[in-house]
Amino acid sequence: MQPHIRLNTSLTRARYALLPGDPGRVDRIARFLDNAEVIGQNREFRAARGWYQGVEIVVLSTGIGGPSTAIAIEELRQIGVNTLIRIGSCGALQDSLALGDVIIAHGAVADDGASKTYAPASYPACADPYLTATLIQQAKQMNISAVLRAGAQP
């Protein structure tokens, strides 16, 4: 049993995770999955699991900020999750972006406290290119206009 997220392989064998920040969004996301059920709640970490097209997916809130997100990611990796997608809301620096636009980030500025424990700030924090390409492809297939961005682009 992982000490913070309170999950283990008897609760989920998912290899894929969706990570909202807000625990209140876990149930909303889980509604899109088949046979969804809440499997844990501890502090900011609320977890649900379900299936999408026969593939088990875990949804786990991370709370606010890098340290709690790092805890969630490290503990999910300990139970076998190997593909993680952070989903949620963000602010925009560009007037061309509107409320509700879908943004797929392929990179981020890693100039925060938690990231420095993993790599120097000068090391690029980039998303997996194949996963990014798959997200873009799926958005196109669903006729969703998605904007591809890296970090804090003005």
C-alpha atoms as a PDB file:
ATOM      1  CA  MET A   1       0.000   0.000   0.000  1.00  0.00           C
ATOM      2  CA  GLN A   2       1.470   3.323  -1.044  1.00  0.00           C
ATOM      3  CA  PRO A   3       1.602   5.661   1.966  1.00  0.00           C
ATOM      4  CA  HIS A   4       0.075   8.805   0.458  1.00  0.00           C
ATOM      5  CA  ILE A   5      -2.171   7.804  -2.441  1.00  0.00           C
ATOM      6  CA  ARG A   6      -3.303   4.699  -0.503  1.00  0.00           C
ATOM      7  CA  LEU A   7      -3.347   2.453  -3.596  1.00  0.00           C
ATOM      8  CA  ASN A   8      -1.788  -0.902  -4.369  1.00  0.00           C
ATOM      9  CA  THR A   9      -1.984  -3.544  -7.086  1.00  0.00           C
ATOM     10  CA  SER A  10      -4.930  -5.265  -5.426  1.00  0.00           C
ATOM     11  CA  LEU A  11      -6.958  -2.066  -5.996  1.00  0.00           C
ATOM     12  CA  THR A  12      -5.764  -1.338  -9.531  1.00  0.00           C
ATOM     13  CA  ARG A  13      -3.512  -2.859 -12.143  1.00  0.00           C
ATOM     14  CA  ALA A  14      -3.849   0.123 -14.460  1.00  0.00           C
ATOM     15  CA  ARG A  15      -0.877   1.156 -16.554  1.00  0.00           C
ATOM     16  CA  TYR A  16      -2.494   4.461 -17.529  1.00  0.00           C
ATOM     17  CA  ALA A  17      -3.412   7.372 -15.255  1.00  0.00           C
ATOM     18  CA  LEU A  18      -5.223  10.666 -15.715  1.00  0.00           C
ATOM     19  CA  LEU A  19      -4.115  13.266 -13.166  1.00  0.00           C
ATOM     20  CA  PRO A  20      -6.366  16.234 -12.393  1.00  0.00           C
ATOM     21  CA  GLY A  21      -5.282  18.569  -9.623  1.00  0.00           C
ATOM     22  CA  ASP A  22      -8.674  18.985  -7.965  1.00  0.00           C
ATOM     23  CA  PRO A  23     -10.136  15.965  -6.116  1.00  0.00           C
ATOM     24  CA  GLY A  24     -13.578  17.221  -7.149  1.00  0.00           C
ATOM     25  CA  ARG A  25     -12.772  16.482 -10.789  1.00  0.00           C
ATOM     26  CA  VAL A  26     -12.028  12.792 -10.270  1.00  0.00           C
ATOM     27  CA  ASP A  27     -15.684  11.750 -10.234  1.00  0.00           C
ATOM     28  CA  ARG A  28     -16.459  13.950 -13.262  1.00  0.00           C
ATOM     29  CA  ILE A  29     -13.681  12.307 -15.262  1.00  0.00           C
ATOM     30  CA  ALA A  30     -14.560   8.804 -14.063  1.00  0.00           C
ATOM     31  CA  ARG A  31     -18.071   9.196 -15.519  1.00  0.00           C
ATOM     32  CA  PHE A  32     -16.498   8.787 -18.965  1.00  0.00           C
ATOM     33  CA  LEU A  33     -15.183   5.339 -18.001  1.00  0.00           C
ATOM     34  CA  ASP A  34     -17.041   2.027 -17.889  1.00  0.00           C
ATOM     35  CA  ASN A  35     -17.652   0.412 -14.490  1.00  0.00           C
ATOM     36  CA  ALA A  36     -16.030   3.342 -12.718  1.00  0.00           C
ATOM     37  CA  GLU A  37     -15.627   3.224  -8.963  1.00  0.00           C
ATOM     38  CA  VAL A  38     -13.876   5.310  -6.335  1.00  0.00           C
ATOM     39  CA  ILE A  39     -11.027   3.262  -4.879  1.00  0.00           C
ATOM     40  CA  GLY A  40      -9.371   5.670  -2.487  1.00  0.00           C
ATOM     41  CA  GLN A  41      -9.308   9.019  -0.725  1.00  0.00           C
ATOM     42  CA  ASN A  42      -6.480  10.378   1.379  1.00  0.00           C
ATOM     43  CA  ARG A  43      -5.888  14.108   1.772  1.00  0.00           C
ATOM     44  CA  GLU A  44      -5.646  15.644  -1.725  1.00  0.00           C
ATOM     45  CA  PHE A  45      -5.424  12.231  -3.373  1.00  0.00           C
ATOM     46  CA  ARG A  46      -8.817  10.953  -4.558  1.00  0.00           C
ATOM     47  CA  ALA A  47      -8.687   7.897  -6.813  1.00  0.00           C
ATOM     48  CA  ALA A  48     -11.121   6.156  -9.118  1.00  0.00           C
ATOM     49  CA  ARG A  49     -10.678   3.436 -11.674  1.00  0.00           C
ATOM     50  CA  GLY A  50     -12.633   2.346 -14.685  1.00  0.00           C
ATOM     51  CA  TRP A  51     -12.228   0.990 -18.175  1.00  0.00           C
ATOM     52  CA  TYR A  52     -12.093   2.705 -21.542  1.00  0.00           C
ATOM     53  CA  GLN A  53     -12.413   0.372 -24.530  1.00  0.00           C
ATOM     54  CA  GLY A  54     -11.405  -2.516 -22.283  1.00  0.00           C
ATOM     55  CA  VAL A  55      -8.295  -0.820 -20.878  1.00  0.00           C
ATOM     56  CA  GLU A  56      -8.119  -0.064 -17.158  1.00  0.00           C
ATOM     57  CA  ILE A  57      -7.431   3.569 -16.297  1.00  0.00           C
ATOM     58  CA  VAL A  58      -6.888   5.129 -12.892  1.00  0.00           C
ATOM     59  CA  VAL A  59      -7.862   8.745 -12.221  1.00  0.00           C
ATOM     60  CA  LEU A  60      -5.959  10.322  -9.324  1.00  0.00           C
ATOM     61  CA  SER A  61      -6.051  13.903  -8.113  1.00  0.00           C
ATOM     62  CA  THR A  62      -2.682  15.408  -7.250  1.00  0.00           C
ATOM     63  CA  GLY A  63      -3.583  18.518  -5.314  1.00  0.00           C
ATOM     64  CA  ILE A  64      -1.851  21.824  -5.986  1.00  0.00           C
ATOM     65  CA  GLY A  65       1.804  22.199  -6.902  1.00  0.00           C
ATOM     66  CA  GLY A  66       4.846  20.167  -7.775  1.00  0.00           C
ATOM     67  CA  PRO A  67       5.558  18.390  -4.483  1.00  0.00           C
ATOM     68  CA  SER A  68       2.171  16.667  -4.176  1.00  0.00           C
ATOM     69  CA  THR A  69       2.208  15.878  -7.910  1.00  0.00           C
ATOM     70  CA  ALA A  70       5.657  14.301  -7.504  1.00  0.00           C
ATOM     71  CA  ILE A  71       4.349  12.153  -4.649  1.00  0.00           C
ATOM     72  CA  ALA A  72       1.415  10.973  -6.773  1.00  0.00           C
ATOM     73  CA  ILE A  73       3.608  10.179  -9.778  1.00  0.00           C
ATOM     74  CA  GLU A  74       6.264   8.334  -7.782  1.00  0.00           C
ATOM     75  CA  GLU A  75       3.725   6.234  -5.911  1.00  0.00           C
ATOM     76  CA  LEU A  76       1.770   5.419  -9.088  1.00  0.00           C
ATOM     77  CA  ARG A  77       5.011   4.256 -10.694  1.00  0.00           C
ATOM     78  CA  GLN A  78       5.599   1.967  -7.691  1.00  0.00           C
ATOM     79  CA  ILE A  79       2.343   0.129  -8.465  1.00  0.00           C
ATOM     80  CA  GLY A  80       3.055  -0.200 -12.182  1.00  0.00           C
ATOM     81  CA  VAL A  81       1.514   2.869 -13.826  1.00  0.00           C
ATOM     82  CA  ASN A  82       3.794   3.913 -16.678  1.00  0.00           C
ATOM     83  CA  THR A  83       1.780   6.441 -18.698  1.00  0.00           C
ATOM     84  CA  LEU A  84       0.511   9.564 -16.938  1.00  0.00           C
ATOM     85  CA  ILE A  85      -1.421  12.477 -18.404  1.00  0.00           C
ATOM     86  CA  ARG A  86      -1.914  15.643 -16.364  1.00  0.00           C
ATOM     87  CA  ILE A  87      -5.317  17.097 -17.189  1.00  0.00           C
ATOM     88  CA  GLY A  88      -6.995  20.189 -15.879  1.00  0.00           C
ATOM     89  CA  SER A  89      -7.202  23.906 -16.280  1.00  0.00           C
ATOM     90  CA  CYS A  90      -4.550  26.532 -16.867  1.00  0.00           C
ATOM     91  CA  GLY A  91      -4.131  30.224 -17.440  1.00  0.00           C
ATOM     92  CA  ALA A  92      -3.404  31.685 -20.862  1.00  0.00           C
ATOM     93  CA  LEU A  93      -0.934  34.400 -21.825  1.00  0.00           C
ATOM     94  CA  GLN A  94      -2.307  34.773 -25.345  1.00  0.00           C
ATOM     95  CA  ASP A  95      -5.427  36.705 -26.283  1.00  0.00           C
ATOM     96  CA  SER A  96      -6.099  34.197 -29.072  1.00  0.00           C
ATOM     97  CA  LEU A  97      -6.853  31.458 -26.521  1.00  0.00           C
ATOM     98  CA  ALA A  98     -10.388  31.314 -25.201  1.00  0.00           C
ATOM     99  CA  LEU A  99     -11.982  29.774 -22.141  1.00  0.00           C
ATOM    100  CA  GLY A 100     -12.474  26.078 -22.836  1.00  0.00           C
ATOM    101  CA  ASP A 101      -9.806  25.753 -25.537  1.00  0.00           C
ATOM    102  CA  VAL A 102      -7.981  22.427 -25.513  1.00  0.00           C
ATOM    103  CA  ILE A 103      -4.240  22.868 -25.054  1.00  0.00           C
ATOM    104  CA  ILE A 104      -1.804  19.992 -25.481  1.00  0.00           C
ATOM    105  CA  ALA A 105       1.478  20.889 -23.816  1.00  0.00           C
ATOM    106  CA  HIS A 106       4.551  19.257 -25.315  1.00  0.00           C
ATOM    107  CA  GLY A 107       6.892  20.940 -22.865  1.00  0.00           C
ATOM    108  CA  ALA A 108       6.979  23.021 -19.734  1.00  0.00           C
ATOM    109  CA  VAL A 109       9.229  25.395 -17.867  1.00  0.00           C
ATOM    110  CA  ALA A 110      10.784  23.409 -15.022  1.00  0.00           C
ATOM    111  CA  ASP A 111      11.863  26.363 -12.907  1.00  0.00           C
ATOM    112  CA  ASP A 112      10.139  25.296  -9.706  1.00  0.00           C
ATOM    113  CA  GLY A 113      11.276  23.711  -6.477  1.00  0.00           C
ATOM    114  CA  ALA A 114      10.116  20.132  -7.015  1.00  0.00           C
ATOM    115  CA  SER A 115      11.497  19.688 -10.545  1.00  0.00           C
ATOM    116  CA  LYS A 116      15.019  20.559  -9.398  1.00  0.00           C
ATOM    117  CA  THR A 117      15.203  17.297  -7.451  1.00  0.00           C
ATOM    118  CA  TYR A 118      14.855  15.375 -10.735  1.00  0.00           C
ATOM    119  CA  ALA A 119      16.870  17.423 -13.236  1.00  0.00           C
ATOM    120  CA  PRO A 120      18.539  20.834 -13.571  1.00  0.00           C
ATOM    121  CA  ALA A 121      16.258  23.721 -14.585  1.00  0.00           C
ATOM    122  CA  SER A 122      18.158  23.932 -17.882  1.00  0.00           C
ATOM    123  CA  TYR A 123      17.109  20.384 -18.828  1.00  0.00           C
ATOM    124  CA  PRO A 124      14.039  20.511 -21.095  1.00  0.00           C
ATOM    125  CA  ALA A 125      10.844  19.187 -19.518  1.00  0.00           C
ATOM    126  CA  CYS A 126       9.290  17.604 -22.593  1.00  0.00           C
ATOM    127  CA  ALA A 127       6.333  15.287 -22.975  1.00  0.00           C
ATOM    128  CA  ASP A 128       6.719  11.946 -24.704  1.00  0.00           C
ATOM    129  CA  PRO A 129       6.573  12.778 -28.438  1.00  0.00           C
ATOM    130  CA  TYR A 130       4.556   9.678 -29.325  1.00  0.00           C
ATOM    131  CA  LEU A 131       1.967  10.366 -26.633  1.00  0.00           C
ATOM    132  CA  THR A 132       1.765  14.009 -27.726  1.00  0.00           C
ATOM    133  CA  ALA A 133       1.269  12.963 -31.363  1.00  0.00           C
ATOM    134  CA  THR A 134      -1.431  10.496 -30.307  1.00  0.00           C
ATOM    135  CA  LEU A 135      -3.274  13.190 -28.345  1.00  0.00           C
ATOM    136  CA  ILE A 136      -3.165  15.512 -31.363  1.00  0.00           C
ATOM    137  CA  GLN A 137      -4.352  12.746 -33.688  1.00  0.00           C
ATOM    138  CA  GLN A 138      -7.240  11.828 -31.391  1.00  0.00           C
ATOM    139  CA  ALA A 139      -8.291  15.460 -31.051  1.00  0.00           C
ATOM    140  CA  LYS A 140      -8.392  15.766 -34.853  1.00  0.00           C
ATOM    141  CA  GLN A 141     -10.416  12.557 -35.195  1.00  0.00           C
ATOM    142  CA  MET A 142     -12.926  13.937 -32.682  1.00  0.00           C
ATOM    143  CA  ASN A 143     -13.059  17.316 -34.475  1.00  0.00           C
ATOM    144  CA  ILE A 144     -11.632  19.037 -31.415  1.00  0.00           C
ATOM    145  CA  SER A 145      -9.512  22.051 -32.169  1.00  0.00           C
ATOM    146  CA  ALA A 146      -6.424  21.597 -30.005  1.00  0.00           C
ATOM    147  CA  VAL A 147      -3.593  24.073 -29.561  1.00  0.00           C
ATOM    148  CA  LEU A 148      -0.072  22.676 -29.186  1.00  0.00           C
ATOM    149  CA  ARG A 149       2.085  24.721 -26.812  1.00  0.00           C
ATOM    150  CA  ALA A 150       5.249  24.496 -24.764  1.00  0.00           C
ATOM    151  CA  GLY A 151       5.534  26.054 -21.321  1.00  0.00           C
ATOM    152  CA  ALA A 152       4.807  29.712 -20.757  1.00  0.00           C
ATOM    153  CA  GLN A 153       4.719  30.990 -24.324  1.00  0.00           C
ATOM    154  CA  PRO A 154       3.693  34.649 -24.532  1.00  0.00           C
END
